[in-house]
C-alpha atoms as a PDB file:
ATOM      1  CA  UNK A   1      72.616 -54.793 -67.675  1.00  0.00           C
ATOM      2  CA  UNK A   2      75.212 -55.211 -64.916  1.00  0.00           C
ATOM      3  CA  UNK A   3      78.095 -57.665 -64.845  1.00  0.00           C
ATOM      4  CA  UNK A   4      76.282 -59.504 -62.050  1.00  0.00           C
ATOM      5  CA  UNK A   5      73.373 -60.375 -64.344  1.00  0.00           C
ATOM      6  CA  UNK A   6      73.328 -63.098 -66.987  1.00  0.00           C
ATOM      7  CA  UNK A   7      70.740 -62.610 -69.717  1.00  0.00           C
ATOM      8  CA  UNK A   8      69.463 -65.455 -71.882  1.00  0.00           C
ATOM      9  CA  UNK A   9      66.912 -65.538 -74.726  1.00  0.00           C
ATOM     10  CA  UNK A  10      65.034 -68.687 -75.683  1.00  0.00           C
ATOM     11  CA  UNK A  11      62.093 -69.800 -77.772  1.00  0.00           C
ATOM     12  CA  UNK A  12      59.625 -72.417 -76.539  1.00  0.00           C
ATOM     13  CA  UNK A  13      57.193 -74.115 -78.892  1.00  0.00           C
ATOM     14  CA  UNK A  14      53.582 -74.557 -77.799  1.00  0.00           C
ATOM     15  CA  UNK A  15      51.484 -77.561 -78.763  1.00  0.00           C
ATOM     16  CA  UNK A  16      49.785 -75.578 -81.553  1.00  0.00           C
ATOM     17  CA  UNK A  17      53.142 -74.531 -83.010  1.00  0.00           C
ATOM     18  CA  UNK A  18      53.176 -71.037 -81.525  1.00  0.00           C
ATOM     19  CA  UNK A  19      56.688 -69.840 -80.667  1.00  0.00           C
ATOM     20  CA  UNK A  20      56.950 -68.329 -77.192  1.00  0.00           C
ATOM     21  CA  UNK A  21      59.580 -65.597 -77.033  1.00  0.00           C
ATOM     22  CA  UNK A  22      61.217 -65.983 -73.602  1.00  0.00           C
ATOM     23  CA  UNK A  23      64.001 -64.194 -71.816  1.00  0.00           C
ATOM     24  CA  UNK A  24      65.545 -64.749 -68.440  1.00  0.00           C
ATOM     25  CA  UNK A  25      67.942 -62.943 -66.177  1.00  0.00           C
ATOM     26  CA  UNK A  26      70.009 -64.774 -63.559  1.00  0.00           C
ATOM     27  CA  UNK A  27      72.524 -63.688 -60.935  1.00  0.00           C
ATOM     28  CA  UNK A  28      76.144 -64.673 -61.534  1.00  0.00           C
ATOM     29  CA  UNK A  29      76.152 -66.501 -58.192  1.00  0.00           C
ATOM     30  CA  UNK A  30      73.605 -68.778 -56.591  1.00  0.00           C
ATOM     31  CA  UNK A  31      69.936 -68.329 -57.441  1.00  0.00           C
ATOM     32  CA  UNK A  32      67.803 -68.377 -54.306  1.00  0.00           C
ATOM     33  CA  UNK A  33      64.390 -68.043 -55.962  1.00  0.00           C
ATOM     34  CA  UNK A  34      62.729 -67.393 -59.321  1.00  0.00           C
ATOM     35  CA  UNK A  35      60.264 -64.660 -60.271  1.00  0.00           C
ATOM     36  CA  UNK A  36      58.128 -65.479 -63.305  1.00  0.00           C
ATOM     37  CA  UNK A  37      56.706 -62.286 -64.817  1.00  0.00           C
ATOM     38  CA  UNK A  38      53.488 -62.007 -66.825  1.00  0.00           C
ATOM     39  CA  UNK A  39      53.417 -58.597 -68.514  1.00  0.00           C
ATOM     40  CA  UNK A  40      50.373 -56.475 -69.188  1.00  0.00           C
ATOM     41  CA  UNK A  41      48.271 -55.740 -72.243  1.00  0.00           C
ATOM     42  CA  UNK A  42      50.027 -53.780 -74.967  1.00  0.00           C
ATOM     43  CA  UNK A  43      53.560 -54.144 -73.610  1.00  0.00           C
ATOM     44  CA  UNK A  44      56.302 -56.798 -73.616  1.00  0.00           C
ATOM     45  CA  UNK A  45      58.800 -58.708 -71.481  1.00  0.00           C
ATOM     46  CA  UNK A  46      61.741 -56.435 -72.313  1.00  0.00           C
ATOM     47  CA  UNK A  47      60.229 -53.665 -70.203  1.00  0.00           C
ATOM     48  CA  UNK A  48      61.069 -55.666 -67.076  1.00  0.00           C
ATOM     49  CA  UNK A  49      64.862 -55.650 -67.566  1.00  0.00           C
ATOM     50  CA  UNK A  50      65.394 -52.950 -64.914  1.00  0.00           C
ATOM     51  CA  UNK A  51      63.347 -54.868 -62.349  1.00  0.00           C
ATOM     52  CA  UNK A  52      65.223 -58.043 -63.307  1.00  0.00           C
ATOM     53  CA  UNK A  53      68.577 -56.373 -62.657  1.00  0.00           C
ATOM     54  CA  UNK A  54      67.439 -55.328 -59.180  1.00  0.00           C
ATOM     55  CA  UNK A  55      66.099 -58.835 -58.520  1.00  0.00           C
ATOM     56  CA  UNK A  56      69.360 -60.465 -59.646  1.00  0.00           C
ATOM     57  CA  UNK A  57      71.278 -58.234 -57.245  1.00  0.00           C
ATOM     58  CA  UNK A  58      69.258 -59.893 -54.473  1.00  0.00           C
ATOM     59  CA  UNK A  59      69.906 -63.414 -55.780  1.00  0.00           C
ATOM     60  CA  UNK A  60      66.615 -63.876 -57.670  1.00  0.00           C
ATOM     61  CA  UNK A  61      66.346 -65.046 -61.262  1.00  0.00           C
ATOM     62  CA  UNK A  62      63.603 -63.587 -63.463  1.00  0.00           C
ATOM     63  CA  UNK A  63      61.820 -65.333 -66.347  1.00  0.00           C
ATOM     64  CA  UNK A  64      59.448 -63.419 -68.612  1.00  0.00           C
ATOM     65  CA  UNK A  65      57.827 -64.197 -71.938  1.00  0.00           C
ATOM     66  CA  UNK A  66      55.870 -62.232 -74.496  1.00  0.00           C
ATOM     67  CA  UNK A  67      52.193 -63.098 -74.540  1.00  0.00           C
ATOM     68  CA  UNK A  68      50.678 -64.052 -77.862  1.00  0.00           C
ATOM     69  CA  UNK A  69      50.270 -61.013 -80.076  1.00  0.00           C
ATOM     70  CA  UNK A  70      52.941 -59.127 -78.117  1.00  0.00           C
ATOM     71  CA  UNK A  71      56.670 -58.582 -78.480  1.00  0.00           C
ATOM     72  CA  UNK A  72      58.902 -58.393 -81.564  1.00  0.00           C
ATOM     73  CA  UNK A  73      58.042 -61.857 -82.878  1.00  0.00           C
ATOM     74  CA  UNK A  74      54.238 -61.552 -82.831  1.00  0.00           C
ATOM     75  CA  UNK A  75      52.849 -62.872 -86.158  1.00  0.00           C
ATOM     76  CA  UNK A  76      49.556 -61.024 -85.613  1.00  0.00           C
ATOM     77  CA  UNK A  77      50.065 -58.013 -83.322  1.00  0.00           C
ATOM     78  CA  UNK A  78      47.649 -57.642 -80.412  1.00  0.00           C
ATOM     79  CA  UNK A  79      45.811 -60.889 -81.171  1.00  0.00           C
ATOM     80  CA  UNK A  80      46.009 -64.039 -79.057  1.00  0.00           C
ATOM     81  CA  UNK A  81      44.572 -66.771 -81.230  1.00  0.00           C
ATOM     82  CA  UNK A  82      41.707 -67.413 -83.642  1.00  0.00           C
ATOM     83  CA  UNK A  83      40.355 -69.985 -81.198  1.00  0.00           C
ATOM     84  CA  UNK A  84      40.789 -70.578 -77.451  1.00  0.00           C
ATOM     85  CA  UNK A  85      43.092 -67.634 -76.850  1.00  0.00           C
ATOM     86  CA  UNK A  86      42.578 -67.399 -73.075  1.00  0.00           C
ATOM     87  CA  UNK A  87      43.436 -71.052 -72.494  1.00  0.00           C
ATOM     88  CA  UNK A  88      46.426 -70.681 -74.824  1.00  0.00           C
ATOM     89  CA  UNK A  89      47.800 -67.916 -72.587  1.00  0.00           C
ATOM     90  CA  UNK A  90      47.467 -70.182 -69.568  1.00  0.00           C
ATOM     91  CA  UNK A  91      49.117 -73.087 -71.388  1.00  0.00           C
ATOM     92  CA  UNK A  92      52.016 -70.848 -72.457  1.00  0.00           C
ATOM     93  CA  UNK A  93      52.488 -69.781 -68.844  1.00  0.00           C
ATOM     94  CA  UNK A  94      52.679 -73.429 -67.827  1.00  0.00           C
ATOM     95  CA  UNK A  95      55.426 -74.102 -70.386  1.00  0.00           C
ATOM     96  CA  UNK A  96      57.457 -71.161 -69.098  1.00  0.00           C
ATOM     97  CA  UNK A  97      56.925 -72.353 -65.511  1.00  0.00           C
ATOM     98  CA  UNK A  98      58.271 -75.764 -66.515  1.00  0.00           C
ATOM     99  CA  UNK A  99      61.244 -74.102 -68.221  1.00  0.00           C
ATOM    100  CA  UNK A 100      62.003 -72.129 -65.067  1.00  0.00           C
ATOM    101  CA  UNK A 101      61.710 -75.235 -62.919  1.00  0.00           C
ATOM    102  CA  UNK A 102      64.068 -77.183 -65.169  1.00  0.00           C
ATOM    103  CA  UNK A 103      66.661 -74.416 -65.344  1.00  0.00           C
ATOM    104  CA  UNK A 104      66.546 -73.443 -61.667  1.00  0.00           C
ATOM    105  CA  UNK A 105      65.975 -76.828 -60.057  1.00  0.00           C
ATOM    106  CA  UNK A 106      64.392 -76.925 -56.597  1.00  0.00           C
ATOM    107  CA  UNK A 107      64.176 -73.148 -56.364  1.00  0.00           C
ATOM    108  CA  UNK A 108      60.941 -71.555 -55.121  1.00  0.00           C
ATOM    109  CA  UNK A 109      58.953 -69.753 -57.816  1.00  0.00           C
ATOM    110  CA  UNK A 110      56.796 -66.657 -57.385  1.00  0.00           C
ATOM    111  CA  UNK A 111      54.391 -65.620 -60.145  1.00  0.00           C
ATOM    112  CA  UNK A 112      54.233 -61.832 -60.714  1.00  0.00           C
ATOM    113  CA  UNK A 113      51.402 -60.691 -62.954  1.00  0.00           C
ATOM    114  CA  UNK A 114      50.878 -57.076 -63.959  1.00  0.00           C
ATOM    115  CA  UNK A 115      47.494 -55.752 -65.103  1.00  0.00           C
ATOM    116  CA  UNK A 116      46.262 -58.215 -67.756  1.00  0.00           C
ATOM    117  CA  UNK A 117      49.101 -60.447 -66.573  1.00  0.00           C
ATOM    118  CA  UNK A 118      47.559 -60.412 -63.090  1.00  0.00           C
ATOM    119  CA  UNK A 119      44.338 -61.837 -64.528  1.00  0.00           C
ATOM    120  CA  UNK A 120      46.257 -64.562 -66.362  1.00  0.00           C
ATOM    121  CA  UNK A 121      48.247 -65.254 -63.188  1.00  0.00           C
ATOM    122  CA  UNK A 122      45.093 -65.801 -61.166  1.00  0.00           C
ATOM    123  CA  UNK A 123      43.597 -68.093 -63.794  1.00  0.00           C
ATOM    124  CA  UNK A 124      46.863 -70.046 -63.829  1.00  0.00           C
ATOM    125  CA  UNK A 125      46.944 -70.281 -60.029  1.00  0.00           C
ATOM    126  CA  UNK A 126      43.399 -71.629 -60.083  1.00  0.00           C
ATOM    127  CA  UNK A 127      44.735 -74.586 -62.053  1.00  0.00           C
ATOM    128  CA  UNK A 128      48.325 -74.970 -60.819  1.00  0.00           C
ATOM    129  CA  UNK A 129      48.607 -72.962 -57.617  1.00  0.00           C
ATOM    130  CA  UNK A 130      50.265 -75.838 -55.782  1.00  0.00           C
ATOM    131  CA  UNK A 131      53.309 -75.285 -58.033  1.00  0.00           C
ATOM    132  CA  UNK A 132      53.860 -71.764 -56.684  1.00  0.00           C
ATOM    133  CA  UNK A 133      55.436 -70.278 -53.576  1.00  0.00           C
ATOM    134  CA  UNK A 134      53.799 -66.886 -53.997  1.00  0.00           C
ATOM    135  CA  UNK A 135      51.470 -64.807 -56.172  1.00  0.00           C
ATOM    136  CA  UNK A 136      52.111 -61.080 -56.698  1.00  0.00           C
ATOM    137  CA  UNK A 137      49.276 -59.159 -58.378  1.00  0.00           C
ATOM    138  CA  UNK A 138      50.270 -55.716 -59.701  1.00  0.00           C
ATOM    139  CA  UNK A 139      47.865 -53.113 -61.076  1.00  0.00           C
ATOM    140  CA  UNK A 140      44.953 -55.492 -60.649  1.00  0.00           C
ATOM    141  CA  UNK A 141      41.299 -55.227 -59.686  1.00  0.00           C
ATOM    142  CA  UNK A 142      38.152 -57.240 -58.983  1.00  0.00           C
ATOM    143  CA  UNK A 143      36.325 -57.510 -62.330  1.00  0.00           C
ATOM    144  CA  UNK A 144      32.640 -56.634 -62.508  1.00  0.00           C
ATOM    145  CA  UNK A 145      30.647 -59.591 -63.787  1.00  0.00           C
ATOM    146  CA  UNK A 146      27.859 -57.388 -65.126  1.00  0.00           C
ATOM    147  CA  UNK A 147      30.264 -55.221 -67.104  1.00  0.00           C
ATOM    148  CA  UNK A 148      32.229 -58.220 -68.374  1.00  0.00           C
ATOM    149  CA  UNK A 149      29.079 -59.992 -69.609  1.00  0.00           C
ATOM    150  CA  UNK A 150      27.802 -56.912 -71.445  1.00  0.00           C
ATOM    151  CA  UNK A 151      31.207 -56.105 -72.941  1.00  0.00           C
ATOM    152  CA  UNK A 152      31.727 -59.739 -74.003  1.00  0.00           C
ATOM    153  CA  UNK A 153      28.413 -59.724 -75.862  1.00  0.00           C
ATOM    154  CA  UNK A 154      29.414 -56.560 -77.709  1.00  0.00           C
ATOM    155  CA  UNK A 155      32.891 -57.941 -78.459  1.00  0.00           C
ATOM    156  CA  UNK A 156      31.416 -61.123 -79.959  1.00  0.00           C
ATOM    157  CA  UNK A 157      29.089 -59.099 -82.165  1.00  0.00           C
ATOM    158  CA  UNK A 158      31.949 -56.936 -83.427  1.00  0.00           C
ATOM    159  CA  UNK A 159      34.195 -59.974 -83.914  1.00  0.00           C
ATOM    160  CA  UNK A 160      31.459 -61.452 -86.100  1.00  0.00           C
ATOM    161  CA  UNK A 161      31.342 -58.207 -88.094  1.00  0.00           C
ATOM    162  CA  UNK A 162      35.081 -57.473 -88.393  1.00  0.00           C
ATOM    163  CA  UNK A 163      36.551 -60.956 -87.920  1.00  0.00           C
ATOM    164  CA  UNK A 164      38.589 -62.325 -85.027  1.00  0.00           C
ATOM    165  CA  UNK A 165      41.700 -60.506 -86.238  1.00  0.00           C
ATOM    166  CA  UNK A 166      39.854 -57.346 -87.192  1.00  0.00           C
ATOM    167  CA  UNK A 167      39.928 -54.177 -85.124  1.00  0.00           C
ATOM    168  CA  UNK A 168      37.088 -52.230 -83.600  1.00  0.00           C
ATOM    169  CA  UNK A 169      37.867 -48.628 -82.543  1.00  0.00           C
ATOM    170  CA  UNK A 170      34.744 -48.831 -80.369  1.00  0.00           C
ATOM    171  CA  UNK A 171      36.127 -51.722 -78.287  1.00  0.00           C
ATOM    172  CA  UNK A 172      39.476 -49.988 -77.808  1.00  0.00           C
ATOM    173  CA  UNK A 173      37.713 -46.766 -76.847  1.00  0.00           C
ATOM    174  CA  UNK A 174      35.469 -48.505 -74.325  1.00  0.00           C
ATOM    175  CA  UNK A 175      38.476 -50.295 -72.873  1.00  0.00           C
ATOM    176  CA  UNK A 176      40.659 -47.230 -72.349  1.00  0.00           C
ATOM    177  CA  UNK A 177      38.615 -44.045 -72.876  1.00  0.00           C
ATOM    178  CA  UNK A 178      38.257 -43.086 -69.220  1.00  0.00           C
ATOM    179  CA  UNK A 179      41.779 -43.918 -68.048  1.00  0.00           C
ATOM    180  CA  UNK A 180      43.135 -40.374 -68.517  1.00  0.00           C
ATOM    181  CA  UNK A 181      40.044 -38.647 -67.133  1.00  0.00           C
ATOM    182  CA  UNK A 182      41.500 -38.061 -63.658  1.00  0.00           C
ATOM    183  CA  UNK A 183      44.720 -36.598 -65.082  1.00  0.00           C
ATOM    184  CA  UNK A 184      43.311 -33.772 -67.224  1.00  0.00           C
ATOM    185  CA  UNK A 185      44.749 -31.750 -68.804  1.00  0.00           C
ATOM    186  CA  UNK A 186      46.750 -34.749 -70.029  1.00  0.00           C
ATOM    187  CA  UNK A 187      50.068 -34.331 -71.823  1.00  0.00           C
ATOM    188  CA  UNK A 188      49.694 -37.674 -73.678  1.00  0.00           C
ATOM    189  CA  UNK A 189      47.117 -40.433 -74.060  1.00  0.00           C
ATOM    190  CA  UNK A 190      49.095 -42.492 -71.543  1.00  0.00           C
ATOM    191  CA  UNK A 191      49.559 -40.165 -68.584  1.00  0.00           C
ATOM    192  CA  UNK A 192      47.619 -42.734 -66.552  1.00  0.00           C
ATOM    193  CA  UNK A 193      50.614 -45.086 -66.669  1.00  0.00           C
ATOM    194  CA  UNK A 194      53.015 -43.067 -64.523  1.00  0.00           C
ATOM    195  CA  UNK A 195      53.827 -39.646 -63.047  1.00  0.00           C
ATOM    196  CA  UNK A 196      57.298 -39.987 -64.583  1.00  0.00           C
ATOM    197  CA  UNK A 197      57.038 -38.205 -67.939  1.00  0.00           C
ATOM    198  CA  UNK A 198      60.213 -39.829 -69.270  1.00  0.00           C
ATOM    199  CA  UNK A 199      58.758 -43.288 -68.659  1.00  0.00           C
ATOM    200  CA  UNK A 200      55.499 -42.347 -70.370  1.00  0.00           C
ATOM    201  CA  UNK A 201      57.435 -41.010 -73.354  1.00  0.00           C
ATOM    202  CA  UNK A 202      59.406 -44.270 -73.582  1.00  0.00           C
ATOM    203  CA  UNK A 203      56.122 -46.192 -73.731  1.00  0.00           C
ATOM    204  CA  UNK A 204      54.709 -43.882 -76.421  1.00  0.00           C
ATOM    205  CA  UNK A 205      57.892 -44.194 -78.510  1.00  0.00           C
ATOM    206  CA  UNK A 206      58.039 -47.996 -78.218  1.00  0.00           C
ATOM    207  CA  UNK A 207      56.506 -49.576 -81.358  1.00  0.00           C
ATOM    208  CA  UNK A 208      55.818 -52.734 -79.344  1.00  0.00           C
ATOM    209  CA  UNK A 209      53.569 -50.885 -76.881  1.00  0.00           C
ATOM    210  CA  UNK A 210      49.945 -49.862 -77.195  1.00  0.00           C
ATOM    211  CA  UNK A 211      47.174 -50.944 -79.562  1.00  0.00           C
ATOM    212  CA  UNK A 212      45.067 -51.348 -81.568  1.00  0.00           C
ATOM    213  CA  UNK A 213      43.763 -54.683 -80.302  1.00  0.00           C
ATOM    214  CA  UNK A 214      41.902 -57.363 -82.221  1.00  0.00           C
ATOM    215  CA  UNK A 215      38.248 -58.127 -81.613  1.00  0.00           C
ATOM    216  CA  UNK A 216      39.295 -61.682 -80.790  1.00  0.00           C
ATOM    217  CA  UNK A 217      41.665 -60.463 -78.092  1.00  0.00           C
ATOM    218  CA  UNK A 218      38.844 -58.579 -76.417  1.00  0.00           C
ATOM    219  CA  UNK A 219      36.594 -61.648 -76.581  1.00  0.00           C
ATOM    220  CA  UNK A 220      39.303 -63.791 -74.983  1.00  0.00           C
ATOM    221  CA  UNK A 221      40.211 -61.268 -72.298  1.00  0.00           C
ATOM    222  CA  UNK A 222      36.608 -60.670 -71.298  1.00  0.00           C
ATOM    223  CA  UNK A 223      35.974 -64.406 -71.064  1.00  0.00           C
ATOM    224  CA  UNK A 224      38.965 -64.610 -68.746  1.00  0.00           C
ATOM    225  CA  UNK A 225      37.631 -61.809 -66.554  1.00  0.00           C
ATOM    226  CA  UNK A 226      34.308 -63.627 -66.298  1.00  0.00           C
ATOM    227  CA  UNK A 227      36.166 -66.762 -65.211  1.00  0.00           C
ATOM    228  CA  UNK A 228      38.254 -65.215 -62.434  1.00  0.00           C
ATOM    229  CA  UNK A 229      35.670 -62.745 -61.129  1.00  0.00           C
ATOM    230  CA  UNK A 230      33.848 -65.224 -58.894  1.00  0.00           C
ATOM    231  CA  UNK A 231      34.510 -66.371 -55.341  1.00  0.00           C
ATOM    232  CA  UNK A 232      34.014 -69.955 -56.507  1.00  0.00           C
ATOM    233  CA  UNK A 233      36.995 -69.408 -58.818  1.00  0.00           C
ATOM    234  CA  UNK A 234      39.159 -67.941 -56.049  1.00  0.00           C
ATOM    235  CA  UNK A 235      38.355 -71.009 -53.969  1.00  0.00           C
ATOM    236  CA  UNK A 236      40.436 -73.016 -56.449  1.00  0.00           C
ATOM    237  CA  UNK A 237      43.595 -71.103 -55.464  1.00  0.00           C
ATOM    238  CA  UNK A 238      45.306 -72.761 -52.455  1.00  0.00           C
ATOM    239  CA  UNK A 239      44.370 -70.816 -49.332  1.00  0.00           C
ATOM    240  CA  UNK A 240      47.889 -71.238 -47.922  1.00  0.00           C
ATOM    241  CA  UNK A 241      49.484 -69.528 -50.933  1.00  0.00           C
ATOM    242  CA  UNK A 242      51.056 -66.154 -49.997  1.00  0.00           C
ATOM    243  CA  UNK A 243      49.471 -63.371 -52.071  1.00  0.00           C
ATOM    244  CA  UNK A 244      50.553 -59.740 -52.436  1.00  0.00           C
ATOM    245  CA  UNK A 245      48.135 -57.270 -54.036  1.00  0.00           C
ATOM    246  CA  UNK A 246      49.954 -54.059 -54.843  1.00  0.00           C
ATOM    247  CA  UNK A 247      49.648 -50.977 -57.005  1.00  0.00           C
ATOM    248  CA  UNK A 248      48.951 -47.266 -57.173  1.00  0.00           C
ATOM    249  CA  UNK A 249      45.991 -45.666 -55.421  1.00  0.00           C
ATOM    250  CA  UNK A 250      45.345 -43.496 -58.500  1.00  0.00           C
ATOM    251  CA  UNK A 251      45.509 -46.371 -60.985  1.00  0.00           C
ATOM    252  CA  UNK A 252      42.380 -46.169 -63.189  1.00  0.00           C
ATOM    253  CA  UNK A 253      42.466 -49.938 -63.797  1.00  0.00           C
ATOM    254  CA  UNK A 254      41.824 -50.738 -60.161  1.00  0.00           C
ATOM    255  CA  UNK A 255      43.296 -48.217 -57.815  1.00  0.00           C
ATOM    256  CA  UNK A 256      42.585 -48.112 -54.119  1.00  0.00           C
ATOM    257  CA  UNK A 257      38.965 -49.155 -54.531  1.00  0.00           C
ATOM    258  CA  UNK A 258      39.532 -51.980 -57.020  1.00  0.00           C
ATOM    259  CA  UNK A 259      42.475 -53.527 -55.190  1.00  0.00           C
ATOM    260  CA  UNK A 260      40.730 -53.270 -51.829  1.00  0.00           C
ATOM    261  CA  UNK A 261      37.698 -55.041 -53.289  1.00  0.00           C
ATOM    262  CA  UNK A 262      39.947 -57.733 -54.760  1.00  0.00           C
ATOM    263  CA  UNK A 263      41.644 -58.209 -51.383  1.00  0.00           C
ATOM    264  CA  UNK A 264      38.250 -58.436 -49.662  1.00  0.00           C
ATOM    265  CA  UNK A 265      37.220 -61.315 -51.918  1.00  0.00           C
ATOM    266  CA  UNK A 266      40.480 -63.142 -51.208  1.00  0.00           C
ATOM    267  CA  UNK A 267      39.965 -62.666 -47.480  1.00  0.00           C
ATOM    268  CA  UNK A 268      36.392 -63.935 -47.751  1.00  0.00           C
ATOM    269  CA  UNK A 269      37.570 -67.083 -49.504  1.00  0.00           C
ATOM    270  CA  UNK A 270      39.949 -67.977 -46.677  1.00  0.00           C
ATOM    271  CA  UNK A 271      43.279 -66.832 -48.115  1.00  0.00           C
ATOM    272  CA  UNK A 272      45.012 -66.129 -44.838  1.00  0.00           C
ATOM    273  CA  UNK A 273      48.459 -65.193 -46.156  1.00  0.00           C
ATOM    274  CA  UNK A 274      47.298 -62.028 -47.879  1.00  0.00           C
ATOM    275  CA  UNK A 275      49.225 -58.730 -47.996  1.00  0.00           C
ATOM    276  CA  UNK A 276      48.004 -55.482 -49.536  1.00  0.00           C
ATOM    277  CA  UNK A 277      50.384 -52.628 -50.381  1.00  0.00           C
ATOM    278  CA  UNK A 278      48.855 -49.571 -52.051  1.00  0.00           C
ATOM    279  CA  UNK A 279      50.987 -46.537 -52.904  1.00  0.00           C
ATOM    280  CA  UNK A 280      49.398 -43.071 -52.539  1.00  0.00           C
ATOM    281  CA  UNK A 281      49.202 -41.103 -55.823  1.00  0.00           C
ATOM    282  CA  UNK A 282      50.753 -44.007 -57.727  1.00  0.00           C
ATOM    283  CA  UNK A 283      49.374 -44.741 -61.181  1.00  0.00           C
ATOM    284  CA  UNK A 284      49.222 -47.966 -63.199  1.00  0.00           C
ATOM    285  CA  UNK A 285      52.850 -49.034 -63.686  1.00  0.00           C
ATOM    286  CA  UNK A 286      54.472 -48.913 -60.272  1.00  0.00           C
ATOM    287  CA  UNK A 287      57.726 -50.384 -61.610  1.00  0.00           C
ATOM    288  CA  UNK A 288      57.950 -47.314 -63.869  1.00  0.00           C
ATOM    289  CA  UNK A 289      56.669 -44.778 -61.344  1.00  0.00           C
ATOM    290  CA  UNK A 290      58.619 -41.985 -59.655  1.00  0.00           C
ATOM    291  CA  UNK A 291      58.703 -44.196 -56.542  1.00  0.00           C
ATOM    292  CA  UNK A 292      59.804 -47.338 -58.438  1.00  0.00           C
ATOM    293  CA  UNK A 293      62.958 -47.925 -56.367  1.00  0.00           C
ATOM    294  CA  UNK A 294      60.960 -48.126 -53.137  1.00  0.00           C
ATOM    295  CA  UNK A 295      58.310 -50.304 -54.806  1.00  0.00           C
ATOM    296  CA  UNK A 296      60.973 -52.669 -56.146  1.00  0.00           C
ATOM    297  CA  UNK A 297      62.505 -52.971 -52.670  1.00  0.00           C
ATOM    298  CA  UNK A 298      59.110 -53.641 -51.092  1.00  0.00           C
ATOM    299  CA  UNK A 299      58.221 -56.341 -53.599  1.00  0.00           C
ATOM    300  CA  UNK A 300      61.599 -58.050 -53.393  1.00  0.00           C
ATOM    301  CA  UNK A 301      61.442 -57.924 -49.583  1.00  0.00           C
ATOM    302  CA  UNK A 302      58.030 -59.641 -49.704  1.00  0.00           C
ATOM    303  CA  UNK A 303      59.336 -62.239 -52.160  1.00  0.00           C
ATOM    304  CA  UNK A 304      62.311 -62.886 -49.871  1.00  0.00           C
ATOM    305  CA  UNK A 305      60.110 -63.397 -46.825  1.00  0.00           C
ATOM    306  CA  UNK A 306      57.681 -65.536 -48.793  1.00  0.00           C
ATOM    307  CA  UNK A 307      60.226 -67.865 -50.381  1.00  0.00           C
ATOM    308  CA  UNK A 308      62.185 -68.356 -47.161  1.00  0.00           C
ATOM    309  CA  UNK A 309      59.051 -69.580 -45.411  1.00  0.00           C
ATOM    310  CA  UNK A 310      58.924 -72.749 -47.555  1.00  0.00           C
ATOM    311  CA  UNK A 311      56.290 -74.172 -49.911  1.00  0.00           C
ATOM    312  CA  UNK A 312      52.738 -73.551 -48.690  1.00  0.00           C
ATOM    313  CA  UNK A 313      51.186 -76.647 -47.213  1.00  0.00           C
END
């Protein structure tokens, strides 16, 4: 962490008593805008410290929290909640947004969601999009309704068998089994994350990364995918909101095809301030890729242009 960056850790308490582990990074001088980060499945907010340092150097503050079941304080690892987990994630995001607004008064706020965080970000924007100046979707895709319905049925059956907090190797296998297929022979189970072997090894060595995931988490996540994977849902996001869809072309979560399909649906629903930036050969975590410095510059440039243009009308 550089001398130009001020780091702060906080805990917010949700209505159900859940403690939200939150950290923020702020420039030593004036803050021109705020980036609220929603991390992906099986990772945590601390992995965004390098991006936060680069953002602070440009005058942006960064706020990130650990989703339920994630991070060092998770009471039940890789499990959202015994009931209403998807809505709880959205409510937690709202509390962090309010925290950011109170700490950085009158500063524009951009919501950056990566992977699972991009799905939460879209669901949040469907409810509170008028409180944002921009929406950045990283490593995202357009979810298949047919696949989500079938997988949700299976997840509910296995949750009934193993319990909400129980684990099903079958669900984890179905969720991730094919991700390394395009990178055979694979050095690790997580080669699909990045071409940078050192970054992959850091993920593998991090006890706060990876699974296994609870049956209840899969039920909640799949219900969320069913919610956001409809044009009628996208219609609830303000059409004037600037949106950047970005990621690696070789990302097995979405990739070129998935992100292009997602962008097509946004275009069809009248979102006229849409930008798509896909990086050739890039994998799932572009902020940890070999080209991460260029990606960070591109994203911060877009955030700068977006926040200087004023609140969408």
